[in-house]
C-alpha atoms as a PDB file:
ATOM      1  CA  MET A   1      -4.915   6.256 -11.272  1.00  0.00           C
ATOM      2  CA  THR A   2      -2.192   5.829  -8.643  1.00  0.00           C
ATOM      3  CA  MET A   3      -2.317   7.558  -5.282  1.00  0.00           C
ATOM      4  CA  HIS A   4       0.606   9.837  -4.494  1.00  0.00           C
ATOM      5  CA  ALA A   5       2.282   9.128  -1.149  1.00  0.00           C
ATOM      6  CA  THR A   6       2.422  12.211   1.017  1.00  0.00           C
ATOM      7  CA  MET A   7       2.367  12.873   4.732  1.00  0.00           C
ATOM      8  CA  LEU A   8      -1.187  13.432   6.039  1.00  0.00           C
ATOM      9  CA  ILE A   9      -1.508  15.122   9.432  1.00  0.00           C
ATOM     10  CA  ASP A  10      -4.307  15.989  11.850  1.00  0.00           C
ATOM     11  CA  GLU A  11      -2.551  15.982  15.229  1.00  0.00           C
ATOM     12  CA  PRO A  12      -2.076  13.649  16.912  1.00  0.00           C
ATOM     13  CA  VAL A  13      -2.775  11.484  13.810  1.00  0.00           C
ATOM     14  CA  ARG A  14       0.099  11.287  11.352  1.00  0.00           C
ATOM     15  CA  LEU A  15       0.081   9.118   8.237  1.00  0.00           C
ATOM     16  CA  ILE A  16       3.628   8.832   6.931  1.00  0.00           C
ATOM     17  CA  PRO A  17       4.680   7.023   3.738  1.00  0.00           C
ATOM     18  CA  PHE A  18       5.928   3.679   5.056  1.00  0.00           C
ATOM     19  CA  ASP A  19       9.674   3.087   5.098  1.00  0.00           C
ATOM     20  CA  ASP A  20      12.212   0.911   6.914  1.00  0.00           C
ATOM     21  CA  ALA A  21      12.343   3.265   9.916  1.00  0.00           C
ATOM     22  CA  HIS A  22       8.752   2.236  10.762  1.00  0.00           C
ATOM     23  CA  VAL A  23       9.256  -1.546  10.849  1.00  0.00           C
ATOM     24  CA  ASP A  24      10.105  -2.016  14.544  1.00  0.00           C
ATOM     25  CA  GLY A  25       7.330   0.312  15.705  1.00  0.00           C
ATOM     26  CA  LEU A  26       4.817  -1.485  13.500  1.00  0.00           C
ATOM     27  CA  ARG A  27       5.963  -4.866  14.823  1.00  0.00           C
ATOM     28  CA  ALA A  28       5.345  -3.663  18.401  1.00  0.00           C
ATOM     29  CA  ALA A  29       1.941  -2.183  17.515  1.00  0.00           C
ATOM     30  CA  CYS A  30       0.852  -5.399  15.793  1.00  0.00           C
ATOM     31  CA  ALA A  31       1.903  -7.470  18.808  1.00  0.00           C
ATOM     32  CA  ALA A  32      -0.438  -5.422  21.026  1.00  0.00           C
ATOM     33  CA  ASP A  33      -3.445  -7.488  19.886  1.00  0.00           C
ATOM     34  CA  PRO A  34      -2.376 -11.001  18.866  1.00  0.00           C
ATOM     35  CA  ASP A  35      -5.941 -12.346  18.833  1.00  0.00           C
ATOM     36  CA  ILE A  36      -7.213  -9.973  16.129  1.00  0.00           C
ATOM     37  CA  TRP A  37      -4.990 -11.531  13.456  1.00  0.00           C
ATOM     38  CA  GLU A  38      -7.333 -14.541  13.300  1.00  0.00           C
ATOM     39  CA  ILE A  39      -9.712 -12.450  11.135  1.00  0.00           C
ATOM     40  CA  TYR A  40      -7.081 -10.766   8.949  1.00  0.00           C
ATOM     41  CA  PRO A  41      -5.963 -12.178   5.591  1.00  0.00           C
ATOM     42  CA  LEU A  42      -2.327 -12.060   6.770  1.00  0.00           C
ATOM     43  CA  SER A  43      -0.774 -12.383  10.210  1.00  0.00           C
ATOM     44  CA  MET A  44       1.513  -9.620  11.406  1.00  0.00           C
ATOM     45  CA  ILE A  45       2.736 -11.304  14.593  1.00  0.00           C
ATOM     46  CA  GLY A  46       5.721 -13.472  15.396  1.00  0.00           C
ATOM     47  CA  GLU A  47       7.367 -15.282  12.515  1.00  0.00           C
ATOM     48  CA  HIS A  48       4.591 -14.113  10.165  1.00  0.00           C
ATOM     49  CA  PHE A  49       5.414 -10.420  10.533  1.00  0.00           C
ATOM     50  CA  ALA A  50       8.392 -10.082   8.167  1.00  0.00           C
ATOM     51  CA  PRO A  51       6.987 -12.096   5.225  1.00  0.00           C
ATOM     52  CA  SER A  52       3.555 -10.444   5.547  1.00  0.00           C
ATOM     53  CA  LEU A  53       5.049  -6.955   5.612  1.00  0.00           C
ATOM     54  CA  GLN A  54       7.282  -7.833   2.649  1.00  0.00           C
ATOM     55  CA  PHE A  55       4.189  -9.016   0.744  1.00  0.00           C
ATOM     56  CA  ILE A  56       2.303  -5.780   1.480  1.00  0.00           C
ATOM     57  CA  ARG A  57       5.243  -3.567   0.549  1.00  0.00           C
ATOM     58  CA  ALA A  58       5.736  -5.450  -2.746  1.00  0.00           C
ATOM     59  CA  MET A  59       2.139  -5.011  -3.895  1.00  0.00           C
ATOM     60  CA  PRO A  60       1.920  -2.913  -7.051  1.00  0.00           C
ATOM     61  CA  ASN A  61      -0.554  -0.033  -6.940  1.00  0.00           C
ATOM     62  CA  TRP A  62      -0.606   0.052  -3.142  1.00  0.00           C
ATOM     63  CA  THR A  63       0.424   3.161  -1.202  1.00  0.00           C
ATOM     64  CA  THR A  64       1.154   2.169   2.389  1.00  0.00           C
ATOM     65  CA  PHE A  65       1.437   4.485   5.372  1.00  0.00           C
ATOM     66  CA  ALA A  66       2.744   4.079   8.896  1.00  0.00           C
ATOM     67  CA  VAL A  67       0.125   5.387  11.322  1.00  0.00           C
ATOM     68  CA  ARG A  68       1.515   7.452  14.176  1.00  0.00           C
ATOM     69  CA  ASP A  69      -0.110   8.778  17.315  1.00  0.00           C
ATOM     70  CA  GLY A  70       2.275  11.678  17.874  1.00  0.00           C
ATOM     71  CA  ALA A  71       5.689   9.999  17.833  1.00  0.00           C
ATOM     72  CA  GLU A  72       4.417   6.429  18.440  1.00  0.00           C
ATOM     73  CA  ILE A  73       3.803   4.023  15.538  1.00  0.00           C
ATOM     74  CA  VAL A  74       0.356   2.543  16.204  1.00  0.00           C
ATOM     75  CA  GLY A  75      -0.364   0.787  12.908  1.00  0.00           C
ATOM     76  CA  MET A  76      -0.521   0.923   9.138  1.00  0.00           C
ATOM     77  CA  THR A  77      -3.012   1.570   6.361  1.00  0.00           C
ATOM     78  CA  SER A  78      -2.974   1.621   2.564  1.00  0.00           C
ATOM     79  CA  TYR A  79      -4.605   2.943  -0.540  1.00  0.00           C
ATOM     80  CA  ILE A  80      -5.223  -0.030  -2.841  1.00  0.00           C
ATOM     81  CA  ALA A  81      -6.080   0.178  -6.536  1.00  0.00           C
ATOM     82  CA  VAL A  82      -9.412  -1.487  -7.404  1.00  0.00           C
ATOM     83  CA  ALA A  83     -11.153  -2.445 -10.639  1.00  0.00           C
ATOM     84  CA  THR A  84     -14.014  -0.005 -10.008  1.00  0.00           C
ATOM     85  CA  PRO A  85     -13.502   3.016 -12.276  1.00  0.00           C
ATOM     86  CA  ASN A  86     -12.238   6.129 -10.476  1.00  0.00           C
ATOM     87  CA  ALA A  87     -12.360   4.474  -7.040  1.00  0.00           C
ATOM     88  CA  VAL A  88      -9.685   3.506  -4.538  1.00  0.00           C
ATOM     89  CA  GLU A  89      -9.814   1.148  -1.569  1.00  0.00           C
ATOM     90  CA  ILE A  90      -8.633   2.022   1.904  1.00  0.00           C
ATOM     91  CA  GLY A  91      -7.439  -1.261   3.353  1.00  0.00           C
ATOM     92  CA  ALA A  92      -4.664  -3.348   4.859  1.00  0.00           C
ATOM     93  CA  THR A  93      -5.425  -1.289   7.959  1.00  0.00           C
ATOM     94  CA  TYR A  94      -4.447  -2.201  11.476  1.00  0.00           C
ATOM     95  CA  ILE A  95      -4.310   0.136  14.449  1.00  0.00           C
ATOM     96  CA  ALA A  96      -3.415  -0.752  18.024  1.00  0.00           C
ATOM     97  CA  PRO A  97      -6.264  -1.297  20.487  1.00  0.00           C
ATOM     98  CA  HIS A  98      -5.702   1.928  22.441  1.00  0.00           C
ATOM     99  CA  VAL A  99      -6.515   4.097  19.373  1.00  0.00           C
ATOM    100  CA  ARG A 100      -9.449   2.079  18.005  1.00  0.00           C
ATOM    101  CA  GLY A 101     -13.079   2.994  18.209  1.00  0.00           C
ATOM    102  CA  GLY A 102     -12.734   6.677  18.947  1.00  0.00           C
ATOM    103  CA  PRO A 103     -11.723  10.006  17.487  1.00  0.00           C
ATOM    104  CA  PHE A 104      -8.271   8.777  16.409  1.00  0.00           C
ATOM    105  CA  ASN A 105      -9.648   6.211  13.949  1.00  0.00           C
ATOM    106  CA  ARG A 106     -12.185   8.676  12.547  1.00  0.00           C
ATOM    107  CA  ALA A 107      -9.483  11.332  12.059  1.00  0.00           C
ATOM    108  CA  MET A 108      -7.251   8.786  10.310  1.00  0.00           C
ATOM    109  CA  LYS A 109     -10.022   7.732   7.933  1.00  0.00           C
ATOM    110  CA  ARG A 110     -11.059  11.350   7.337  1.00  0.00           C
ATOM    111  CA  LEU A 111      -7.493  12.245   6.309  1.00  0.00           C
ATOM    112  CA  MET A 112      -7.399   9.352   3.850  1.00  0.00           C
ATOM    113  CA  ILE A 113     -10.886   9.943   2.431  1.00  0.00           C
ATOM    114  CA  ASP A 114     -10.325  13.682   2.010  1.00  0.00           C
ATOM    115  CA  HIS A 115      -6.983  13.005   0.298  1.00  0.00           C
ATOM    116  CA  ALA A 116      -8.549  10.463  -2.067  1.00  0.00           C
ATOM    117  CA  PHE A 117     -11.293  12.869  -3.130  1.00  0.00           C
ATOM    118  CA  ALA A 118      -8.780  15.745  -3.434  1.00  0.00           C
ATOM    119  CA  ASN A 119      -6.817  13.516  -5.831  1.00  0.00           C
ATOM    120  CA  GLY A 120      -9.810  13.109  -8.142  1.00  0.00           C
ATOM    121  CA  TYR A 121     -11.348   9.833  -7.008  1.00  0.00           C
ATOM    122  CA  ASP A 122     -15.154   9.682  -7.040  1.00  0.00           C
ATOM    123  CA  ALA A 123     -15.494   6.828  -4.526  1.00  0.00           C
ATOM    124  CA  VAL A 124     -13.632   5.132  -1.711  1.00  0.00           C
ATOM    125  CA  GLU A 125     -14.136   1.426  -1.035  1.00  0.00           C
ATOM    126  CA  PHE A 126     -13.610  -0.669   2.082  1.00  0.00           C
ATOM    127  CA  ARG A 127     -13.433  -4.486   1.987  1.00  0.00           C
ATOM    128  CA  VAL A 128     -14.101  -6.140   5.321  1.00  0.00           C
ATOM    129  CA  ASP A 129     -14.214  -9.746   6.497  1.00  0.00           C
ATOM    130  CA  THR A 130     -17.879 -10.307   7.393  1.00  0.00           C
ATOM    131  CA  ARG A 131     -16.763 -11.695  10.775  1.00  0.00           C
ATOM    132  CA  ASN A 132     -15.384  -8.233  11.657  1.00  0.00           C
ATOM    133  CA  GLY A 133     -18.516  -6.502  12.888  1.00  0.00           C
ATOM    134  CA  ARG A 134     -16.600  -3.672  14.563  1.00  0.00           C
ATOM    135  CA  SER A 135     -14.933  -2.634  11.286  1.00  0.00           C
ATOM    136  CA  MET A 136     -18.176  -2.892   9.334  1.00  0.00           C
ATOM    137  CA  ARG A 137     -19.937  -0.618  11.841  1.00  0.00           C
ATOM    138  CA  ALA A 138     -17.025   1.837  11.706  1.00  0.00           C
ATOM    139  CA  VAL A 139     -17.166   2.241   7.917  1.00  0.00           C
ATOM    140  CA  GLU A 140     -20.953   2.579   8.033  1.00  0.00           C
ATOM    141  CA  LYS A 141     -20.514   5.429  10.564  1.00  0.00           C
ATOM    142  CA  LEU A 142     -18.360   7.164   7.938  1.00  0.00           C
ATOM    143  CA  GLY A 143     -21.331   7.079   5.556  1.00  0.00           C
ATOM    144  CA  ALA A 144     -20.206   4.092   3.462  1.00  0.00           C
ATOM    145  CA  LYS A 145     -22.910   1.768   2.158  1.00  0.00           C
ATOM    146  CA  LYS A 146     -22.627  -1.990   1.773  1.00  0.00           C
ATOM    147  CA  THR A 147     -22.771  -2.657  -1.966  1.00  0.00           C
ATOM    148  CA  ALA A 148     -21.937  -6.369  -2.139  1.00  0.00           C
ATOM    149  CA  VAL A 149     -20.804  -9.457  -0.290  1.00  0.00           C
ATOM    150  CA  LEU A 150     -18.271 -11.636  -2.080  1.00  0.00           C
ATOM    151  CA  GLU A 151     -18.899 -15.138  -0.761  1.00  0.00           C
ATOM    152  CA  LYS A 152     -15.951 -17.418  -0.058  1.00  0.00           C
ATOM    153  CA  ASN A 153     -13.651 -15.128  -2.045  1.00  0.00           C
ATOM    154  CA  MET A 154     -10.436 -15.116  -0.015  1.00  0.00           C
ATOM    155  CA  GLN A 155      -8.449 -17.658   1.950  1.00  0.00           C
ATOM    156  CA  THR A 156      -6.826 -16.190   5.033  1.00  0.00           C
ATOM    157  CA  TRP A 157      -3.477 -17.197   6.499  1.00  0.00           C
ATOM    158  CA  THR A 158      -5.307 -19.582   8.881  1.00  0.00           C
ATOM    159  CA  GLY A 159      -6.887 -21.453   5.968  1.00  0.00           C
ATOM    160  CA  TYR A 160     -10.345 -19.982   6.615  1.00  0.00           C
ATOM    161  CA  VAL A 161     -12.180 -19.026   3.415  1.00  0.00           C
ATOM    162  CA  ARG A 162     -13.853 -15.741   4.201  1.00  0.00           C
ATOM    163  CA  ASP A 163     -16.764 -13.734   2.853  1.00  0.00           C
ATOM    164  CA  THR A 164     -15.894 -10.095   2.115  1.00  0.00           C
ATOM    165  CA  ALA A 165     -18.325  -7.218   2.512  1.00  0.00           C
ATOM    166  CA  ILE A 166     -17.682  -4.340   0.110  1.00  0.00           C
ATOM    167  CA  PHE A 167     -18.633  -0.849   1.236  1.00  0.00           C
ATOM    168  CA  SER A 168     -18.550   2.216  -0.993  1.00  0.00           C
ATOM    169  CA  LEU A 169     -18.445   5.862  -0.055  1.00  0.00           C
ATOM    170  CA  SER A 170     -19.178   8.407  -2.777  1.00  0.00           C
ATOM    171  CA  ARG A 171     -17.943  11.984  -2.691  1.00  0.00           C
ATOM    172  CA  ALA A 172     -21.572  13.169  -2.257  1.00  0.00           C
ATOM    173  CA  ASP A 173     -22.215  10.763   0.637  1.00  0.00           C
ATOM    174  CA  TRP A 174     -18.985  11.880   2.299  1.00  0.00           C
ATOM    175  CA  GLU A 175     -19.887  15.540   1.989  1.00  0.00           C
ATOM    176  CA  THR A 176     -23.271  14.763   3.559  1.00  0.00           C
ATOM    177  CA  ALA A 177     -21.762  12.645   6.372  1.00  0.00           C
ATOM    178  CA  ALA A 178     -18.818  14.969   7.110  1.00  0.00           C
END
């Protein structure tokens, strides 16, 4: 199943299908926190930005959105096809520091989760570097449960071979948590 790209809005959060008009705003948003890219699979700062964005945009079965706070581009996020039957991953997510950890991030995730379930998916997955405690706590607050840890499964742009925690959120768990 492939996710249909459509604009998702819960003001001030706007998720807009990513296009060329969003590139400069995303570059600026990504530069707002250069240290965080050490725990991401790809770097989106400096000379790494263009090839990393090209890689993301070329991925088959990914639906990528620009994340806007009103008129300002503050990040990106994607639906990613997974091998789990009737599930989709929400990933390749970055949002600028000033919109993290509060109602903006929850509204963004709620829009994406609601849209996934409205499109017939039974589960939403999140895959998080185990070094990223903040992101793991955030997906747990959404009601997602850790279902596995893939040890040494991905090499990041720095050469670090990371462990990935997989979290799953079922429709029933979401309805209970929401």
